[in-house]
Protein backbone atom coordinates (compact mmCIF):
# COMPACT_ATOMS: atom_id res chain seq x y z
CA MET A 1 0.03 -0.10 -0.27
CA ASN A 2 1.51 3.32 -1.25
CA THR A 3 -0.89 5.77 0.59
CA PRO A 4 1.26 8.17 3.27
CA ALA A 5 0.30 7.05 7.09
CA GLU A 6 -1.43 9.78 7.79
CA ARG A 7 -4.17 8.80 4.82
CA GLN A 8 -4.66 5.75 6.25
CA VAL A 9 -7.30 4.37 8.81
CA LEU A 10 -8.11 1.75 10.68
CA ILE A 11 -11.66 0.22 10.87
CA GLY A 12 -13.08 -1.13 14.45
CA ILE A 13 -15.96 -3.49 14.10
CA ASP A 14 -18.25 -4.03 17.11
CA LEU A 15 -20.70 -6.35 17.16
CA GLY A 16 -22.72 -5.60 20.41
CA THR A 17 -25.27 -7.26 22.14
CA SER A 18 -27.98 -5.05 20.11
CA ALA A 19 -26.26 -2.88 17.49
CA ALA A 20 -23.06 -2.73 15.27
CA LYS A 21 -20.74 0.00 15.92
CA ILE A 22 -18.33 0.60 13.13
CA LEU A 23 -15.39 3.46 13.62
CA ALA A 24 -12.78 4.73 11.32
CA CYS A 25 -9.72 6.30 13.25
CA THR A 26 -6.36 7.23 11.98
CA PRO A 27 -2.99 5.57 13.38
CA SER A 28 -3.04 8.35 15.57
CA GLY A 29 -6.41 7.84 17.05
CA ALA A 30 -7.91 10.85 14.96
CA HIS A 31 -12.04 10.03 14.38
CA VAL A 32 -12.98 9.72 10.55
CA ALA A 33 -16.07 8.24 10.24
CA LEU A 34 -18.67 6.29 12.66
CA GLU A 35 -21.99 4.55 12.39
CA SER A 36 -24.00 2.77 14.67
CA GLU A 37 -27.21 0.59 13.31
CA SER A 38 -29.29 -1.40 15.76
CA TYR A 39 -31.05 -5.04 15.67
CA PRO A 40 -33.61 -6.79 17.54
CA LEU A 41 -33.29 -8.72 20.55
CA GLU A 42 -36.29 -11.56 20.35
CA MET A 43 -37.66 -13.37 23.62
CA PRO A 44 -39.82 -16.14 22.08
CA ARG A 45 -40.01 -17.78 25.45
CA PRO A 46 -39.41 -17.08 29.45
CA GLN A 47 -35.81 -16.79 29.86
CA TRP A 48 -34.86 -16.63 26.18
CA VAL A 49 -33.01 -14.32 24.50
CA GLU A 50 -32.30 -14.49 20.62
CA GLN A 51 -31.33 -12.95 17.70
CA ASP A 52 -31.05 -13.44 14.28
CA ALA A 53 -28.04 -14.01 13.13
CA ASN A 54 -27.88 -13.16 9.27
CA GLU A 55 -30.25 -9.88 10.57
CA VAL A 56 -26.93 -8.85 12.55
CA TYR A 57 -24.62 -9.48 9.55
CA ARG A 58 -26.84 -7.22 7.16
CA VAL A 59 -26.87 -4.78 9.39
CA ALA A 60 -23.48 -4.64 10.27
CA MET A 61 -22.50 -4.56 6.52
CA HIS A 62 -24.76 -1.14 5.91
CA ALA A 63 -23.01 -0.04 8.77
CA LEU A 64 -19.53 -0.64 7.38
CA HIS A 65 -20.69 0.43 3.65
CA GLY A 66 -21.48 3.68 5.22
CA VAL A 67 -18.29 4.30 7.22
CA LEU A 68 -16.29 3.08 3.94
CA ALA A 69 -18.34 5.56 1.87
CA ASP A 70 -17.11 8.09 4.16
CA VAL A 71 -13.57 7.16 4.12
CA TRP A 72 -13.14 7.36 0.43
CA LEU A 73 -15.20 10.58 0.59
CA ARG A 74 -12.92 11.88 2.67
CA GLY A 75 -9.52 10.81 0.57
CA TYR A 76 -8.48 7.66 2.96
CA GLU A 77 -7.52 4.13 2.36
CA VAL A 78 -8.16 0.91 4.81
CA LEU A 79 -4.77 0.00 6.14
CA ALA A 80 -6.42 -2.77 8.58
CA ILE A 81 -9.85 -3.76 10.04
CA GLY A 82 -10.30 -5.51 13.57
CA PHE A 83 -13.20 -7.40 15.35
CA SER A 84 -14.72 -6.86 18.59
CA CYS A 85 -17.66 -9.19 19.84
CA ALA A 86 -20.46 -9.99 22.64
CA MET A 87 -18.99 -12.77 24.49
CA HIS A 88 -20.95 -15.63 25.33
CA GLY A 89 -23.49 -15.97 22.21
CA LEU A 90 -24.22 -19.50 20.89
CA LEU A 91 -24.66 -20.41 17.48
CA PHE A 92 -25.16 -23.59 14.98
CA VAL A 93 -24.48 -23.44 11.71
CA ASP A 94 -24.23 -26.34 9.25
CA GLU A 95 -21.38 -27.36 6.67
CA HIS A 96 -21.67 -24.48 4.35
CA GLY A 97 -21.83 -22.15 7.87
CA GLU A 98 -25.48 -21.25 7.44
CA PRO A 99 -26.98 -20.63 10.53
CA LEU A 100 -29.59 -23.77 12.02
CA GLY A 101 -31.12 -21.15 14.41
CA PRO A 102 -31.21 -17.96 16.14
CA VAL A 103 -27.78 -16.59 18.28
CA VAL A 104 -28.43 -17.75 21.99
CA THR A 105 -27.63 -14.50 23.59
CA TRP A 106 -25.54 -14.05 26.89
CA MET A 107 -28.77 -12.48 28.31
CA ASP A 108 -30.18 -15.94 27.59
CA ARG A 109 -30.99 -17.65 31.12
CA ARG A 110 -32.25 -20.94 29.91
CA SER A 111 -29.56 -23.13 31.11
CA ALA A 112 -29.73 -21.62 34.73
CA GLU A 113 -30.54 -25.18 36.05
CA VAL A 114 -27.44 -26.52 34.51
CA ALA A 115 -25.71 -23.53 36.23
CA ASP A 116 -27.25 -24.26 39.63
CA ARG A 117 -26.67 -27.93 39.51
CA TRP A 118 -23.17 -27.66 38.59
CA ARG A 119 -22.43 -25.00 41.53
CA ALA A 120 -24.09 -27.39 43.95
CA ASP A 121 -22.08 -30.39 43.20
CA GLY A 122 -19.11 -28.98 42.92
CA THR A 123 -18.58 -29.11 38.82
CA ALA A 124 -18.16 -25.14 38.93
CA ALA A 125 -15.59 -24.95 41.37
CA ARG A 126 -13.54 -27.61 39.08
CA LEU A 127 -14.68 -25.52 35.58
CA TYR A 128 -13.55 -22.18 37.11
CA ALA A 129 -9.91 -23.57 38.43
CA LYS A 130 -9.02 -24.66 34.80
CA THR A 131 -10.90 -22.00 32.76
CA GLY A 132 -11.23 -18.68 34.71
CA ALA A 133 -15.03 -18.74 33.81
CA PRO A 134 -17.30 -18.20 36.70
CA VAL A 135 -20.20 -20.63 35.43
CA HIS A 136 -23.52 -19.20 34.77
CA ALA A 137 -26.30 -19.19 32.41
CA MET A 138 -24.73 -16.80 30.01
CA LEU A 139 -21.90 -19.56 29.21
CA PRO A 140 -21.59 -21.68 26.09
CA SER A 141 -20.74 -24.57 28.03
CA CYS A 142 -23.96 -24.44 29.87
CA LYS A 143 -26.10 -23.77 27.01
CA LEU A 144 -24.66 -26.72 25.24
CA ARG A 145 -25.18 -29.11 28.22
CA TRP A 146 -28.92 -27.42 28.06
CA PHE A 147 -29.33 -28.41 24.54
CA ALA A 148 -27.75 -32.26 25.22
CA GLN A 149 -30.70 -32.29 27.81
CA THR A 150 -33.33 -30.87 25.86
CA ALA A 151 -32.71 -30.60 22.56
CA PRO A 152 -29.88 -32.74 21.37
CA ASP A 153 -31.22 -33.02 17.78
CA GLN A 154 -30.47 -29.69 17.20
CA LEU A 155 -26.79 -30.05 18.96
CA ALA A 156 -26.35 -33.34 16.56
CA ARG A 157 -27.35 -31.40 13.59
CA ALA A 158 -24.95 -28.57 13.81
CA ALA A 159 -21.81 -29.10 11.89
CA ARG A 160 -20.14 -26.01 13.83
CA ILE A 161 -21.36 -24.32 17.11
CA VAL A 162 -19.79 -20.71 16.65
CA SER A 163 -20.09 -17.00 17.86
CA LEU A 164 -20.76 -14.23 15.58
CA LYS A 165 -17.49 -12.81 14.95
CA GLU A 166 -16.42 -16.47 13.87
CA LEU A 167 -19.04 -16.00 11.23
CA PHE A 168 -18.14 -13.07 9.82
CA VAL A 169 -14.63 -13.91 9.61
CA PHE A 170 -16.00 -17.34 7.63
CA ARG A 171 -17.98 -15.32 5.35
CA TRP A 172 -15.12 -12.89 4.79
CA THR A 173 -12.31 -15.47 4.30
CA GLY A 174 -13.28 -18.66 4.19
CA GLU A 175 -11.59 -19.89 7.90
CA TRP A 176 -13.14 -20.83 10.90
CA LEU A 177 -11.10 -19.75 13.52
CA ILE A 178 -11.94 -18.00 17.66
CA ASP A 179 -9.36 -15.59 19.19
CA TRP A 180 -8.16 -16.56 22.60
CA GLY A 181 -10.22 -13.59 23.69
CA MET A 182 -13.60 -14.86 22.44
CA ALA A 183 -12.93 -18.25 23.38
CA SER A 184 -12.57 -17.29 27.14
CA GLY A 185 -16.03 -16.47 27.05
CA THR A 186 -16.89 -20.10 26.10
CA GLY A 187 -16.69 -21.65 29.53
CA PHE A 188 -14.59 -24.79 27.81
CA TYR A 189 -11.33 -22.54 26.95
CA ASP A 190 -8.01 -22.67 29.41
CA PRO A 191 -6.50 -19.16 29.47
CA VAL A 192 -3.36 -20.52 30.88
CA ALA A 193 -2.27 -23.22 28.71
CA ARG A 194 -4.07 -21.52 25.77
CA ALA A 195 -6.38 -24.64 24.35
CA TRP A 196 -9.65 -26.05 25.18
CA ASP A 197 -10.22 -27.86 28.30
CA PRO A 198 -10.69 -31.88 28.00
CA GLY A 199 -12.55 -31.69 31.01
CA ALA A 200 -15.35 -28.25 30.60
CA LEU A 201 -15.61 -29.86 27.12
CA ALA A 202 -17.00 -33.01 28.33
CA ALA A 203 -18.94 -31.35 31.10
CA ALA A 204 -20.51 -29.46 27.80
CA GLY A 205 -21.18 -32.50 25.93
CA VAL A 206 -18.98 -31.04 22.96
CA GLY A 207 -15.87 -32.06 20.83
CA THR A 208 -13.43 -30.07 19.51
CA GLU A 209 -14.53 -31.05 15.74
CA LYS A 210 -16.97 -28.77 16.32
CA LEU A 211 -15.72 -25.87 17.06
CA SER A 212 -13.17 -23.52 15.44
CA ALA A 213 -9.28 -23.45 15.30
CA LEU A 214 -7.94 -21.58 18.41
CA ALA A 215 -5.70 -18.67 17.37
CA ALA A 216 -3.85 -15.38 18.89
CA PRO A 217 -5.73 -12.11 19.02
CA SER A 218 -2.81 -10.72 16.81
CA THR A 219 -3.81 -13.59 14.15
CA THR A 220 -3.65 -11.15 10.62
CA LEU A 221 -5.85 -13.05 7.58
CA ARG A 222 -4.76 -11.27 4.21
CA GLU A 223 -7.15 -12.99 1.75
CA LEU A 224 -10.35 -12.06 1.84
CA ARG A 225 -13.44 -13.77 -0.38
CA PRO A 226 -13.06 -11.95 -3.94
CA ALA A 227 -17.17 -11.53 -3.85
CA VAL A 228 -16.53 -9.86 -0.45
CA ALA A 229 -13.77 -7.54 -1.56
CA ALA A 230 -15.45 -6.04 -4.69
CA ALA A 231 -19.15 -6.09 -2.44
CA LEU A 232 -16.80 -3.85 0.29
CA GLY A 233 -14.75 -1.88 -2.49
CA ILE A 234 -11.54 -2.52 -0.61
CA ASP A 235 -8.19 -4.55 -1.79
CA ALA A 236 -8.83 -8.28 -1.29
CA LYS A 237 -4.98 -8.26 0.20
CA THR A 238 -6.57 -5.83 3.18
CA PRO A 239 -5.29 -7.43 6.73
CA VAL A 240 -8.16 -8.67 8.87
CA VAL A 241 -7.40 -8.96 12.32
CA LEU A 242 -9.22 -11.38 14.76
CA ALA A 243 -8.47 -8.69 17.82
CA SER A 244 -10.23 -9.97 21.28
CA SER A 245 -13.66 -9.75 23.43
CA ASP A 246 -15.63 -6.64 23.80
CA GLY A 247 -14.52 -6.50 27.33
CA ALA A 248 -10.89 -6.78 26.37
CA LEU A 249 -11.50 -4.28 23.38
CA ALA A 250 -12.83 -1.77 25.69
CA ASN A 251 -9.94 -1.82 27.74
CA LEU A 252 -7.74 -0.76 25.38
CA GLY A 253 -10.27 1.38 23.87
CA VAL A 254 -10.15 3.42 27.03
CA GLY A 255 -6.75 3.43 27.85
CA ALA A 256 -6.94 0.98 31.04
CA VAL A 257 -4.22 -1.04 30.29
CA GLY A 258 -1.62 -0.57 33.21
CA PRO A 259 -1.07 -1.19 37.05
CA GLY A 260 -4.10 0.93 38.72
CA ASP A 261 -5.95 1.52 35.44
CA LEU A 262 -9.74 0.33 36.22
CA ALA A 263 -11.95 0.00 33.24
CA LEU A 264 -15.81 0.60 34.20
CA THR A 265 -18.46 0.00 31.62
CA LEU A 266 -21.96 1.08 32.24
CA GLY A 267 -24.41 0.86 29.26
CA THR A 268 -27.17 -1.73 29.00
CA SER A 269 -25.04 -4.11 31.31
CA GLY A 270 -22.03 -3.03 33.07
CA ALA A 271 -18.28 -4.45 33.89
CA ILE A 272 -15.25 -3.95 35.91
CA ARG A 273 -12.25 -4.78 34.05
CA THR A 274 -7.89 -4.33 34.64
CA VAL A 275 -5.31 -6.28 32.62
CA VAL A 276 -2.90 -8.23 34.24
CA THR A 277 0.55 -9.64 33.29
CA THR A 278 -0.36 -12.96 34.93
CA PRO A 279 -3.35 -15.33 35.54
CA THR A 280 -5.64 -13.98 38.65
CA PHE A 281 -8.36 -16.31 39.76
CA ASP A 282 -10.20 -15.58 42.51
CA PRO A 283 -10.25 -18.60 45.29
CA HIS A 284 -14.11 -18.17 45.75
CA GLY A 285 -14.57 -17.99 41.80
CA ARG A 286 -16.51 -14.25 42.19
CA THR A 287 -14.12 -12.57 39.11
CA PHE A 288 -13.40 -14.08 35.88
CA CYS A 289 -10.14 -14.36 34.23
CA TYR A 290 -9.82 -13.92 30.61
CA ALA A 291 -7.41 -13.86 27.77
CA TYR A 292 -6.64 -9.88 26.74
CA ASP A 293 -3.82 -10.41 23.74
CA ASP A 294 -1.61 -12.66 23.13
CA VAL A 295 0.52 -12.32 26.61
CA LYS A 296 -1.82 -10.97 29.35
CA PHE A 297 -5.13 -11.26 30.44
CA ILE A 298 -7.98 -9.19 31.94
CA ALA A 299 -9.64 -9.92 35.76
CA GLY A 300 -12.82 -8.63 36.61
CA GLY A 301 -16.66 -9.55 36.32
CA PRO A 302 -19.60 -8.27 34.87
CA THR A 303 -23.06 -7.06 36.03
CA SER A 304 -26.44 -7.30 34.88
CA SER A 305 -28.11 -4.52 36.39
CA ALA A 306 -27.14 -1.58 34.90
CA GLY A 307 -28.57 0.14 31.74
CA ALA A 308 -31.04 -2.35 31.40
CA ALA A 309 -32.30 -2.25 35.04
CA LEU A 310 -32.50 1.35 35.44
CA ALA A 311 -34.90 1.30 31.84
CA ALA A 312 -37.11 -0.84 33.45
CA LEU A 313 -37.17 1.15 36.83
CA ASN A 314 -38.19 4.36 34.19
CA ALA A 315 -40.48 2.84 33.09
CA LEU A 316 -42.33 1.90 36.40
CA PHE A 317 -41.62 5.46 37.97
CA LEU A 318 -42.01 7.81 34.80
CA ASP A 319 -44.55 5.87 32.58
CA ASP A 320 -45.66 9.74 32.45
CA VAL A 321 -42.44 10.76 30.07
CA PRO A 322 -41.94 9.40 26.82
CA GLY A 323 -39.64 6.57 26.45
CA PRO A 324 -36.99 8.69 25.04
CA ASP A 325 -37.21 11.16 27.34
CA ARG A 326 -37.35 9.36 30.72
CA PHE A 327 -33.32 8.66 31.28
CA ALA A 328 -32.31 12.30 31.26
CA ARG A 329 -35.99 12.98 33.40
CA ALA A 330 -34.66 10.55 35.63
CA VAL A 331 -30.99 11.93 36.15
CA ALA A 332 -32.66 15.47 37.22
CA LEU A 333 -35.01 13.94 39.83
CA ALA A 334 -32.23 11.94 41.35
CA GLU A 335 -29.58 14.74 41.16
CA LYS A 336 -32.59 16.81 43.09
CA ALA A 337 -32.45 13.74 45.72
CA ALA A 338 -29.70 13.84 48.48
CA PRO A 339 -26.94 11.15 48.11
CA GLY A 340 -28.61 7.93 50.36
CA ALA A 341 -31.76 8.73 49.17
CA ASN A 342 -33.43 9.40 51.84
CA GLY A 343 -32.57 6.13 53.94
CA LEU A 344 -33.86 4.29 50.30
CA THR A 345 -32.16 1.03 49.30
CA VAL A 346 -32.72 -0.43 45.53
CA LEU A 347 -31.51 -3.86 44.89
CA PRO A 348 -31.15 -3.83 40.79
CA PHE A 349 -30.83 -7.88 40.39
CA LEU A 350 -34.43 -7.39 37.99
CA GLY A 351 -32.83 -10.39 35.68
CA GLY A 352 -30.72 -12.06 38.28
CA GLU A 353 -27.24 -11.33 38.61
CA ARG A 354 -23.47 -12.47 37.45
CA ALA A 355 -20.69 -11.03 39.62
CA PRO A 356 -20.25 -11.51 42.34
CA TYR A 357 -22.96 -13.53 43.14
CA TRP A 358 -23.39 -15.58 39.76
CA ASN A 359 -27.04 -16.21 40.79
CA SER A 360 -29.47 -16.03 38.40
CA GLU A 361 -32.63 -16.54 40.57
CA LEU A 362 -31.33 -12.97 42.60
CA ARG A 363 -34.37 -10.83 42.36
CA GLY A 364 -34.71 -6.79 43.07
CA ALA A 365 -35.91 -4.94 46.05
CA ILE A 366 -37.36 -1.57 47.38
CA VAL A 367 -36.22 -1.53 51.04
CA GLY A 368 -36.96 1.26 53.34
CA LEU A 369 -39.51 2.68 51.78
CA ASP A 370 -42.17 5.05 54.02
CA LEU A 371 -44.58 7.84 52.97
CA SER A 372 -41.85 10.36 53.07
CA HIS A 373 -40.19 9.34 49.94
CA SER A 374 -40.50 10.79 46.46
CA ARG A 375 -39.89 9.32 43.16
CA GLY A 376 -36.89 11.14 43.04
CA ASP A 377 -35.50 9.12 46.12
CA VAL A 378 -36.54 5.92 44.47
CA LEU A 379 -34.67 6.81 41.04
CA ARG A 380 -31.64 8.25 43.07
CA ALA A 381 -31.07 4.96 45.05
CA ALA A 382 -31.58 3.21 41.59
CA PHE A 383 -28.09 5.46 40.25
CA GLU A 384 -26.96 4.55 43.12
CA ALA A 385 -27.38 0.51 43.37
CA VAL A 386 -25.87 -0.09 39.93
CA VAL A 387 -22.57 1.92 40.90
CA PHE A 388 -23.03 -0.13 44.12
CA ALA A 389 -23.40 -3.08 42.47
CA LEU A 390 -19.68 -2.79 40.15
CA ALA A 391 -18.26 -1.90 43.91
CA SER A 392 -19.42 -4.92 44.53
CA VAL A 393 -17.24 -6.94 42.14
CA HIS A 394 -14.47 -4.44 42.45
CA ASP A 395 -14.34 -5.33 46.10
CA ALA A 396 -13.81 -9.22 44.96
CA LEU A 397 -11.46 -8.35 42.60
CA ARG A 398 -9.68 -5.93 44.43
CA GLU A 399 -8.46 -8.62 47.11
CA ARG A 400 -5.69 -9.64 43.63
CA THR A 401 -5.19 -6.24 42.31
CA GLY A 402 -5.17 -3.41 44.97
CA ASP A 403 -7.12 -0.14 44.82
CA PRO A 404 -7.11 1.88 41.40
CA ARG A 405 -5.28 4.89 40.51
CA ARG A 406 -7.92 5.84 38.23
CA ILE A 407 -11.24 4.34 36.52
CA ARG A 408 -11.56 5.05 33.17
CA LEU A 409 -15.32 4.91 31.75
CA SER A 410 -17.11 4.01 28.67
CA GLY A 411 -21.17 2.98 28.03
CA GLY A 412 -24.18 5.06 27.65
CA LEU A 413 -25.06 5.76 31.23
CA THR A 414 -21.41 7.47 31.88
CA HIS A 415 -22.38 9.95 29.28
CA ALA A 416 -24.61 11.70 32.09
CA PRO A 417 -22.30 14.12 34.16
CA PHE A 418 -24.48 12.73 37.08
CA VAL A 419 -23.34 9.01 36.55
CA ARG A 420 -19.83 10.08 36.31
CA GLN A 421 -19.64 11.73 39.60
CA LEU A 422 -21.51 9.18 41.36
CA VAL A 423 -18.54 6.71 39.93
CA ALA A 424 -16.15 8.67 41.31
CA ASP A 425 -17.82 9.50 44.87
CA VAL A 426 -18.26 5.87 45.39
CA PHE A 427 -15.35 4.41 44.51
CA GLY A 428 -13.39 7.15 46.08
CA CYS A 429 -11.01 7.91 42.93
CA GLU A 430 -10.59 9.74 40.11
CA ALA A 431 -13.15 8.82 36.86
CA VAL A 432 -12.49 9.88 33.35
CA LEU A 433 -13.96 9.80 30.05
CA ALA A 434 -11.82 9.84 26.90
CA ASP A 435 -12.83 11.78 23.53
CA GLN A 436 -13.46 8.28 22.31
CA ALA A 437 -16.93 7.67 22.09
CA GLU A 438 -17.20 3.77 21.15
CA ALA A 439 -14.65 2.36 23.55
CA SER A 440 -14.47 -1.32 22.03
CA ALA A 441 -14.96 -0.61 18.56
CA PHE A 442 -11.87 1.84 19.02
CA GLY A 443 -10.04 -1.32 20.53
CA ALA A 444 -10.82 -3.28 18.20
CA ALA A 445 -9.09 -0.55 15.66
CA MET A 446 -6.61 -0.17 17.72
CA MET A 447 -5.85 -3.68 18.60
CA ALA A 448 -5.68 -4.26 14.15
CA GLY A 449 -3.15 -1.58 14.18
CA ILE A 450 -0.66 -3.01 16.77
CA ALA A 451 -1.19 -6.38 14.66
CA VAL A 452 -0.06 -4.93 11.39
CA GLY A 453 2.97 -2.47 13.17
CA ALA A 454 1.13 0.92 12.57
CA ILE A 455 1.30 1.23 16.89
CA ALA A 456 3.75 0.41 19.00
CA GLY A 457 1.50 -1.15 21.73
CA ASP A 458 -1.06 -0.74 23.91
CA THR A 459 0.44 1.69 26.06
CA ALA A 460 0.67 3.85 23.17
CA VAL A 461 -2.78 3.56 22.41
CA ALA A 462 -3.22 4.72 25.81
CA ALA A 463 -1.34 7.88 25.15
CA LEU A 464 -3.28 8.67 22.17
CA LEU A 465 -6.40 9.29 24.45
CA HIS A 466 -7.34 12.19 25.51
CA PRO A 467 -9.80 13.33 28.71
CA ALA A 468 -13.13 14.82 27.73
CA HIS A 469 -13.98 15.06 31.44
CA VAL A 470 -12.26 14.19 34.68
CA HIS A 471 -14.24 13.95 37.79
CA GLU A 472 -12.56 13.82 41.12
CA PRO A 473 -14.32 12.59 44.18
CA ASP A 474 -16.09 15.23 46.74
CA PRO A 475 -14.33 14.04 50.36
CA ALA A 476 -18.26 15.16 51.99
CA ALA A 477 -20.42 12.68 49.06
CA ALA A 478 -17.18 9.65 49.58
CA ALA A 479 -17.70 9.72 53.01
CA ARG A 480 -21.47 9.54 52.94
CA TYR A 481 -21.19 6.96 49.92
CA ALA A 482 -19.20 4.76 52.41
CA GLU A 483 -21.66 4.79 55.09
CA VAL A 484 -25.21 4.19 52.16
CA TYR A 485 -22.66 1.22 50.60
CA ALA A 486 -22.24 -0.75 53.61
CA ARG A 487 -26.38 -0.63 54.17
CA TYR A 488 -26.47 -1.88 50.43
CA ARG A 489 -24.25 -4.33 50.96
CA ASP A 490 -26.10 -5.21 54.76
CA VAL A 491 -29.49 -5.24 52.49
CA VAL A 492 -27.82 -7.85 49.88
CA ALA A 493 -26.78 -10.17 52.31
CA ALA A 494 -30.24 -10.12 53.77
CA ASN A 495 -31.94 -11.08 50.91
CA LEU A 496 -29.55 -13.61 49.42
CA PRO A 497 -30.77 -16.34 51.02
CA LEU A 498 -34.43 -15.76 50.20
CA PHE A 499 -33.25 -16.13 46.11
CA ALA A 500 -31.04 -19.30 46.90
CA PRO A 501 -31.32 -21.92 43.72
CA GLN A 502 -33.26 -24.51 45.03
CA PRO A 503 -31.85 -28.05 44.56
CA ALA A 504 -34.00 -29.60 41.49
CA SER A 505 -36.40 -32.38 42.60
């Protein structure tokens, strides 16, 4: 490629839970183009959450065409493309790579009984010790065991079991590959040995013949199918980099790659993650340890109690406000309430919870409600609760990684100054929102740049980022929140026995 470096772009493709986000930027981090297009989630039965793989592909390709049109219009050439993808999705395909059914997403909880049984009989602890993946219904390992028990014919018909990213890579290149970051989210990958774990495969009921070949995140493919290259209008030799999972790439995309840097995501779901140089497993199995790049790992935990829970509570208490306006109205009312919400505590577990409890049966609550409370108090307590949920994950993580020096933010909720300040006050440290709007897509582009030698490494990526907003903890609010968070933990502890998984009869 003879195009000058300043006229080249890196493309990051992020296949999220509900939208594809495509970003083009220069190797120096300058924004060139961005498109985001949504696709639906289907819930055909209680606890089932699926999506149409072909619809995701169509939507993502349409968004990519839009970005490429902008790239060409502005006189740039594509240097490399990197892929990010939501973890834990499961898709059965035939020998030609055609879907045999919908994607079973991470939100799907049909296999909760499998996860509960494994946690009760000790299987979960054994699997975690090898895979670093806490057992939960989100894992493909649990889902495959559910299919083996409930719909064995569907499992038997599948030539391969893949994620959305693997489907894209196959359609583009003809190769079935899964990077170590995505493999970490299956529940049957050993991130230390960098191999499929035989015991976990046996528990899931799947053999390696139905799985893609494992590959390092830096793996670079340089031979696109001619029809795909022609449809996109790019050179068939354009490098396509596998990159990693959306969580790992969000860390890279916000610059949380060094000691003491904690990435905090608050979107539809939430997560806390930190990059570590050695495997960091929790003795109690509360947090995950996944592959980050070719040599490092990422430790942390996800929470289901974030934007989706807030949206449901906003719908309950702000049903007189049009849907698109509810979040802003909720923030305005919550800001008027005092820290601690006048003694009110919300438990945000409206759809079970992942880290640190890994309990699909856990449910929400409003505790301490009396005649003096307003809906502003309830909404304030709800916002506090989603941050407390992440603080609970960090309590488990900090035992091995220590306190953060700063928190680097991403996710739609963090665009609200109120939420950013709440994070700073609850965690008692600086909270920073960088000037890149789409962390995982930007991280995918940057990892592609690292793989092709255009960027020196992940610390160089962190140096490219500039803070758009910096929030320091308010000492008085931080002291108050230490008390309020302690109350929240007490209320959680009191409620946990009410929702303990029941043994199968």
